[in-house]
Amino acid sequence: MGMDRTRILLVADPAATDNRHEIVASGDFGTISVVLANRPLAANPKSSEMTALNLVRLIENRVSPLVI
C-alpha cells in the first residue's frame, strides 16, 4: 500500500480513563483490528504499567536477543 495511502487518526481525549491504542488494517485480505487499553500508573497517571514492562523487555532484548 505504501506511505502515500496510509492514513493515521490521532485522538486526544482529556476525559479518557485509560491509555488506548487501536490499530486497524484492511485490504484484499480482509480486516485486522488490534486494541490495547492500559490503565495509568497510580504513581504517574501520564504513563502506564505497560510502558514500564515494554522498557524492561527492550533492555532484556538488548542483553540477549532470545528471551523466554
PDB file of N, CA and C in Angstrom:
ATOM      1  N   MET A   1       0.830  -1.175   0.000  1.00  0.00           N
ATOM      2  CA  MET A   1       0.000   0.000   0.000  1.00  0.00           C
ATOM      3  C   MET A   1       0.878   1.243   0.000  1.00  0.00           C
ATOM      4  N   GLY A   2       1.896   1.271   0.811  1.00  0.00           N
ATOM      5  CA  GLY A   2       2.807   2.403   0.811  1.00  0.00           C
ATOM      6  C   GLY A   2       2.370   3.530   1.715  1.00  0.00           C
ATOM      7  N   MET A   3       3.311   4.425   1.946  1.00  0.00           N
ATOM      8  CA  MET A   3       3.053   5.550   2.845  1.00  0.00           C
ATOM      9  C   MET A   3       2.060   6.550   2.268  1.00  0.00           C
ATOM     10  N   ASP A   4       1.983   6.655   0.951  1.00  0.00           N
ATOM     11  CA  ASP A   4       1.067   7.624   0.336  1.00  0.00           C
ATOM     12  C   ASP A   4      -0.396   7.298   0.606  1.00  0.00           C
ATOM     13  N   ARG A   5      -0.703   6.023   0.783  1.00  0.00           N
ATOM     14  CA  ARG A   5      -2.103   5.635   1.018  1.00  0.00           C
ATOM     15  C   ARG A   5      -2.368   5.251   2.470  1.00  0.00           C
ATOM     16  N   THR A   6      -1.374   5.380   3.325  1.00  0.00           N
ATOM     17  CA  THR A   6      -1.541   5.077   4.746  1.00  0.00           C
ATOM     18  C   THR A   6      -2.199   6.268   5.437  1.00  0.00           C
ATOM     19  N   ARG A   7      -3.194   5.998   6.270  1.00  0.00           N
ATOM     20  CA  ARG A   7      -3.911   7.048   6.986  1.00  0.00           C
ATOM     21  C   ARG A   7      -3.797   6.812   8.482  1.00  0.00           C
ATOM     22  N   ILE A   8      -3.588   7.885   9.205  1.00  0.00           N
ATOM     23  CA  ILE A   8      -3.476   7.821  10.661  1.00  0.00           C
ATOM     24  C   ILE A   8      -4.429   8.838  11.260  1.00  0.00           C
ATOM     25  N   LEU A   9      -5.139   8.427  12.297  1.00  0.00           N
ATOM     26  CA  LEU A   9      -6.036   9.317  13.032  1.00  0.00           C
ATOM     27  C   LEU A   9      -5.575   9.332  14.483  1.00  0.00           C
ATOM     28  N   LEU A  10      -5.240  10.493  14.986  1.00  0.00           N
ATOM     29  CA  LEU A  10      -4.816  10.653  16.370  1.00  0.00           C
ATOM     30  C   LEU A  10      -5.906  11.395  17.122  1.00  0.00           C
ATOM     31  N   VAL A  11      -6.367  10.794  18.222  1.00  0.00           N
ATOM     32  CA  VAL A  11      -7.430  11.402  19.024  1.00  0.00           C
ATOM     33  C   VAL A  11      -6.915  11.576  20.440  1.00  0.00           C
ATOM     34  N   ALA A  12      -6.988  12.780  20.964  1.00  0.00           N
ATOM     35  CA  ALA A  12      -6.627  13.053  22.355  1.00  0.00           C
ATOM     36  C   ALA A  12      -7.912  13.359  23.118  1.00  0.00           C
ATOM     37  N   ASP A  13      -8.250  12.497  24.054  1.00  0.00           N
ATOM     38  CA  ASP A  13      -9.486  12.640  24.822  1.00  0.00           C
ATOM     39  C   ASP A  13      -9.152  12.949  26.275  1.00  0.00           C
ATOM     40  N   PRO A  14      -9.318  14.184  26.723  1.00  0.00           N
ATOM     41  CA  PRO A  14      -8.978  14.528  28.107  1.00  0.00           C
ATOM     42  C   PRO A  14      -9.837  13.807  29.141  1.00  0.00           C
ATOM     43  N   ALA A  15     -10.960  13.250  28.731  1.00  0.00           N
ATOM     44  CA  ALA A  15     -11.820  12.526  29.663  1.00  0.00           C
ATOM     45  C   ALA A  15     -11.520  11.023  29.691  1.00  0.00           C
ATOM     46  N   ALA A  16     -10.563  10.570  28.906  1.00  0.00           N
ATOM     47  CA  ALA A  16     -10.242   9.133  28.846  1.00  0.00           C
ATOM     48  C   ALA A  16      -9.718   8.652  30.189  1.00  0.00           C
ATOM     49  N   THR A  17     -10.058   7.427  30.545  1.00  0.00           N
ATOM     50  CA  THR A  17      -9.604   6.853  31.819  1.00  0.00           C
ATOM     51  C   THR A  17      -8.498   5.831  31.618  1.00  0.00           C
ATOM     52  N   ASP A  18      -8.119   5.551  30.373  1.00  0.00           N
ATOM     53  CA  ASP A  18      -7.038   4.613  30.105  1.00  0.00           C
ATOM     54  C   ASP A  18      -6.229   5.087  28.898  1.00  0.00           C
ATOM     55  N   ASN A  19      -5.054   4.484  28.724  1.00  0.00           N
ATOM     56  CA  ASN A  19      -4.245   4.737  27.543  1.00  0.00           C
ATOM     57  C   ASN A  19      -4.681   3.719  26.502  1.00  0.00           C
ATOM     58  N   ARG A  20      -5.207   4.174  25.402  1.00  0.00           N
ATOM     59  CA  ARG A  20      -5.789   3.266  24.415  1.00  0.00           C
ATOM     60  C   ARG A  20      -5.102   3.444  23.071  1.00  0.00           C
ATOM     61  N   HIS A  21      -4.760   2.326  22.459  1.00  0.00           N
ATOM     62  CA  HIS A  21      -4.139   2.310  21.146  1.00  0.00           C
ATOM     63  C   HIS A  21      -4.925   1.322  20.289  1.00  0.00           C
ATOM     64  N   GLU A  22      -5.391   1.767  19.166  1.00  0.00           N
ATOM     65  CA  GLU A  22      -6.170   0.894  18.274  1.00  0.00           C
ATOM     66  C   GLU A  22      -5.542   0.940  16.888  1.00  0.00           C
ATOM     67  N   ILE A  23      -5.257  -0.241  16.348  1.00  0.00           N
ATOM     68  CA  ILE A  23      -4.685  -0.364  15.008  1.00  0.00           C
ATOM     69  C   ILE A  23      -5.661  -1.172  14.160  1.00  0.00           C
ATOM     70  N   VAL A  24      -6.057  -0.614  13.030  1.00  0.00           N
ATOM     71  CA  VAL A  24      -6.952  -1.310  12.104  1.00  0.00           C
ATOM     72  C   VAL A  24      -6.293  -1.300  10.738  1.00  0.00           C
ATOM     73  N   ALA A  25      -6.184  -2.467  10.140  1.00  0.00           N
ATOM     74  CA  ALA A  25      -5.634  -2.578   8.790  1.00  0.00           C
ATOM     75  C   ALA A  25      -6.645  -3.353   7.948  1.00  0.00           C
ATOM     76  N   SER A  26      -6.903  -2.866   6.757  1.00  0.00           N
ATOM     77  CA  SER A  26      -7.829  -3.579   5.876  1.00  0.00           C
ATOM     78  C   SER A  26      -7.283  -3.555   4.460  1.00  0.00           C
ATOM     79  N   GLY A  27      -7.651  -4.565   3.722  1.00  0.00           N
ATOM     80  CA  GLY A  27      -7.199  -4.695   2.340  1.00  0.00           C
ATOM     81  C   GLY A  27      -7.886  -5.876   1.686  1.00  0.00           C
ATOM     82  N   ASP A  28      -7.309  -6.378   0.603  1.00  0.00           N
ATOM     83  CA  ASP A  28      -7.883  -7.519  -0.102  1.00  0.00           C
ATOM     84  C   ASP A  28      -7.972  -8.761   0.783  1.00  0.00           C
ATOM     85  N   PHE A  29      -7.083  -8.850   1.793  1.00  0.00           N
ATOM     86  CA  PHE A  29      -7.049  -9.991   2.699  1.00  0.00           C
ATOM     87  C   PHE A  29      -8.211  -9.983   3.678  1.00  0.00           C
ATOM     88  N   GLY A  30      -8.817  -8.836   3.904  1.00  0.00           N
ATOM     89  CA  GLY A  30      -9.866  -8.672   4.908  1.00  0.00           C
ATOM     90  C   GLY A  30      -9.503  -7.531   5.836  1.00  0.00           C
ATOM     91  N   THR A  31      -9.833  -7.677   7.120  1.00  0.00           N
ATOM     92  CA  THR A  31      -9.560  -6.622   8.101  1.00  0.00           C
ATOM     93  C   THR A  31      -8.974  -7.239   9.360  1.00  0.00           C
ATOM     94  N   ILE A  32      -8.019  -6.545   9.938  1.00  0.00           N
ATOM     95  CA  ILE A  32      -7.463  -6.945  11.226  1.00  0.00           C
ATOM     96  C   ILE A  32      -7.534  -5.736  12.152  1.00  0.00           C
ATOM     97  N   SER A  33      -7.880  -5.986  13.410  1.00  0.00           N
ATOM     98  CA  SER A  33      -8.010  -4.912  14.385  1.00  0.00           C
ATOM     99  C   SER A  33      -7.341  -5.345  15.683  1.00  0.00           C
ATOM    100  N   VAL A  34      -6.507  -4.470  16.230  1.00  0.00           N
ATOM    101  CA  VAL A  34      -5.822  -4.734  17.494  1.00  0.00           C
ATOM    102  C   VAL A  34      -6.084  -3.548  18.413  1.00  0.00           C
ATOM    103  N   VAL A  35      -6.506  -3.827  19.633  1.00  0.00           N
ATOM    104  CA  VAL A  35      -6.768  -2.765  20.612  1.00  0.00           C
ATOM    105  C   VAL A  35      -5.981  -3.063  21.874  1.00  0.00           C
ATOM    106  N   LEU A  36      -5.246  -2.058  22.355  1.00  0.00           N
ATOM    107  CA  LEU A  36      -4.563  -2.135  23.642  1.00  0.00           C
ATOM    108  C   LEU A  36      -5.144  -1.046  24.520  1.00  0.00           C
ATOM    109  N   ALA A  37      -5.581  -1.407  25.716  1.00  0.00           N
ATOM    110  CA  ALA A  37      -6.112  -0.422  26.658  1.00  0.00           C
ATOM    111  C   ALA A  37      -5.423  -0.658  27.997  1.00  0.00           C
ATOM    112  N   ASN A  38      -4.626   0.293  28.407  1.00  0.00           N
ATOM    113  CA  ASN A  38      -3.843   0.172  29.636  1.00  0.00           C
ATOM    114  C   ASN A  38      -4.314   1.191  30.660  1.00  0.00           C
ATOM    115  N   ARG A  39      -4.353   0.761  31.911  1.00  0.00           N
ATOM    116  CA  ARG A  39      -4.676   1.688  32.986  1.00  0.00           C
ATOM    117  C   ARG A  39      -3.437   2.509  33.329  1.00  0.00           C
ATOM    118  N   PRO A  40      -3.603   3.757  33.708  1.00  0.00           N
ATOM    119  CA  PRO A  40      -2.445   4.567  34.098  1.00  0.00           C
ATOM    120  C   PRO A  40      -1.842   4.091  35.422  1.00  0.00           C
ATOM    121  N   LEU A  41      -0.559   4.358  35.589  1.00  0.00           N
ATOM    122  CA  LEU A  41       0.095   4.059  36.853  1.00  0.00           C
ATOM    123  C   LEU A  41      -0.438   4.990  37.933  1.00  0.00           C
ATOM    124  N   ALA A  42      -0.649   4.487  39.118  1.00  0.00           N
ATOM    125  CA  ALA A  42      -1.124   5.325  40.225  1.00  0.00           C
ATOM    126  C   ALA A  42      -0.098   6.404  40.564  1.00  0.00           C
ATOM    127  N   ALA A  43       1.192   6.034  40.492  1.00  0.00           N
ATOM    128  CA  ALA A  43       2.253   6.983  40.833  1.00  0.00           C
ATOM    129  C   ALA A  43       2.503   8.010  39.731  1.00  0.00           C
ATOM    130  N   ASN A  44       2.124   7.669  38.489  1.00  0.00           N
ATOM    131  CA  ASN A  44       2.343   8.584  37.370  1.00  0.00           C
ATOM    132  C   ASN A  44       1.225   8.393  36.353  1.00  0.00           C
ATOM    133  N   PRO A  45       0.111   9.096  36.476  1.00  0.00           N
ATOM    134  CA  PRO A  45      -1.034   8.877  35.595  1.00  0.00           C
ATOM    135  C   PRO A  45      -0.782   9.225  34.127  1.00  0.00           C
ATOM    136  N   LYS A  46       0.371   9.845  33.830  1.00  0.00           N
ATOM    137  CA  LYS A  46       0.693  10.147  32.433  1.00  0.00           C
ATOM    138  C   LYS A  46       1.325   8.949  31.734  1.00  0.00           C
ATOM    139  N   SER A  47       1.532   7.860  32.468  1.00  0.00           N
ATOM    140  CA  SER A  47       2.139   6.665  31.895  1.00  0.00           C
ATOM    141  C   SER A  47       1.332   5.454  32.331  1.00  0.00           C
ATOM    142  N   SER A  48       1.767   4.261  31.911  1.00  0.00           N
ATOM    143  CA  SER A  48       1.063   3.042  32.290  1.00  0.00           C
ATOM    144  C   SER A  48       2.060   1.956  32.644  1.00  0.00           C
ATOM    145  N   GLU A  49       1.571   0.904  33.278  1.00  0.00           N
ATOM    146  CA  GLU A  49       2.437  -0.223  33.621  1.00  0.00           C
ATOM    147  C   GLU A  49       2.987  -0.858  32.355  1.00  0.00           C
ATOM    148  N   MET A  50       2.195  -0.848  31.286  1.00  0.00           N
ATOM    149  CA  MET A  50       2.640  -1.434  30.029  1.00  0.00           C
ATOM    150  C   MET A  50       3.903  -0.735  29.524  1.00  0.00           C
ATOM    151  N   THR A  51       4.003   0.564  29.721  1.00  0.00           N
ATOM    152  CA  THR A  51       5.206   1.307  29.320  1.00  0.00           C
ATOM    153  C   THR A  51       6.417   0.779  30.077  1.00  0.00           C
ATOM    154  N   ALA A  52       6.270   0.608  31.381  1.00  0.00           N
ATOM    155  CA  ALA A  52       7.373   0.094  32.196  1.00  0.00           C
ATOM    156  C   ALA A  52       7.758  -1.319  31.762  1.00  0.00           C
ATOM    157  N   LEU A  53       6.777  -2.171  31.515  1.00  0.00           N
ATOM    158  CA  LEU A  53       7.061  -3.538  31.077  1.00  0.00           C
ATOM    159  C   LEU A  53       7.743  -3.553  29.712  1.00  0.00           C
ATOM    160  N   ASN A  54       7.342  -2.662  28.810  1.00  0.00           N
ATOM    161  CA  ASN A  54       7.984  -2.591  27.498  1.00  0.00           C
ATOM    162  C   ASN A  54       9.431  -2.147  27.612  1.00  0.00           C
ATOM    163  N   LEU A  55       9.717  -1.231  28.540  1.00  0.00           N
ATOM    164  CA  LEU A  55      11.105  -0.817  28.753  1.00  0.00           C
ATOM    165  C   LEU A  55      11.952  -1.969  29.278  1.00  0.00           C
ATOM    166  N   VAL A  56      11.391  -2.763  30.192  1.00  0.00           N
ATOM    167  CA  VAL A  56      12.102  -3.939  30.696  1.00  0.00           C
ATOM    168  C   VAL A  56      12.387  -4.902  29.554  1.00  0.00           C
ATOM    169  N   ARG A  57      11.403  -5.147  28.697  1.00  0.00           N
ATOM    170  CA  ARG A  57      11.590  -6.059  27.561  1.00  0.00           C
ATOM    171  C   ARG A  57      12.651  -5.525  26.605  1.00  0.00           C
ATOM    172  N   LEU A  58      12.647  -4.223  26.352  1.00  0.00           N
ATOM    173  CA  LEU A  58      13.647  -3.614  25.478  1.00  0.00           C
ATOM    174  C   LEU A  58      15.053  -3.864  26.015  1.00  0.00           C
ATOM    175  N   ILE A  59      15.234  -3.673  27.321  1.00  0.00           N
ATOM    176  CA  ILE A  59      16.543  -3.899  27.936  1.00  0.00           C
ATOM    177  C   ILE A  59      16.914  -5.373  27.846  1.00  0.00           C
ATOM    178  N   GLU A  60      15.969  -6.267  28.140  1.00  0.00           N
ATOM    179  CA  GLU A  60      16.247  -7.703  28.050  1.00  0.00           C
ATOM    180  C   GLU A  60      16.641  -8.096  26.630  1.00  0.00           C
ATOM    181  N   ASN A  61      15.975  -7.538  25.629  1.00  0.00           N
ATOM    182  CA  ASN A  61      16.301  -7.870  24.240  1.00  0.00           C
ATOM    183  C   ASN A  61      17.678  -7.362  23.844  1.00  0.00           C
ATOM    184  N   ARG A  62      18.114  -6.249  24.428  1.00  0.00           N
ATOM    185  CA  ARG A  62      19.447  -5.720  24.131  1.00  0.00           C
ATOM    186  C   ARG A  62      20.522  -6.632  24.721  1.00  0.00           C
ATOM    187  N   VAL A  63      20.248  -7.185  25.901  1.00  0.00           N
ATOM    188  CA  VAL A  63      21.217  -8.052  26.581  1.00  0.00           C
ATOM    189  C   VAL A  63      21.254  -9.421  25.919  1.00  0.00           C
ATOM    190  N   SER A  64      20.095  -9.969  25.603  1.00  0.00           N
ATOM    191  CA  SER A  64      20.006 -11.295  24.994  1.00  0.00           C
ATOM    192  C   SER A  64      18.875 -11.263  23.963  1.00  0.00           C
ATOM    193  N   PRO A  65      19.191 -11.509  22.668  1.00  0.00           N
ATOM    194  CA  PRO A  65      18.151 -11.443  21.647  1.00  0.00           C
ATOM    195  C   PRO A  65      17.033 -12.483  21.835  1.00  0.00           C
ATOM    196  N   LEU A  66      17.329 -13.567  22.573  1.00  0.00           N
ATOM    197  CA  LEU A  66      16.313 -14.590  22.795  1.00  0.00           C
ATOM    198  C   LEU A  66      15.912 -14.556  24.258  1.00  0.00           C
ATOM    199  N   VAL A  67      14.675 -14.143  24.530  1.00  0.00           N
ATOM    200  CA  VAL A  67      14.169 -14.062  25.890  1.00  0.00           C
ATOM    201  C   VAL A  67      12.988 -15.021  26.012  1.00  0.00           C
ATOM    202  N   ILE A  68      13.060 -15.899  27.013  1.00  0.00           N
ATOM    203  CA  ILE A  68      11.979 -16.877  27.214  1.00  0.00           C
ATOM    204  C   ILE A  68      11.254 -16.544  28.487  1.00  0.00           C
TER     205      ILE A  68
END
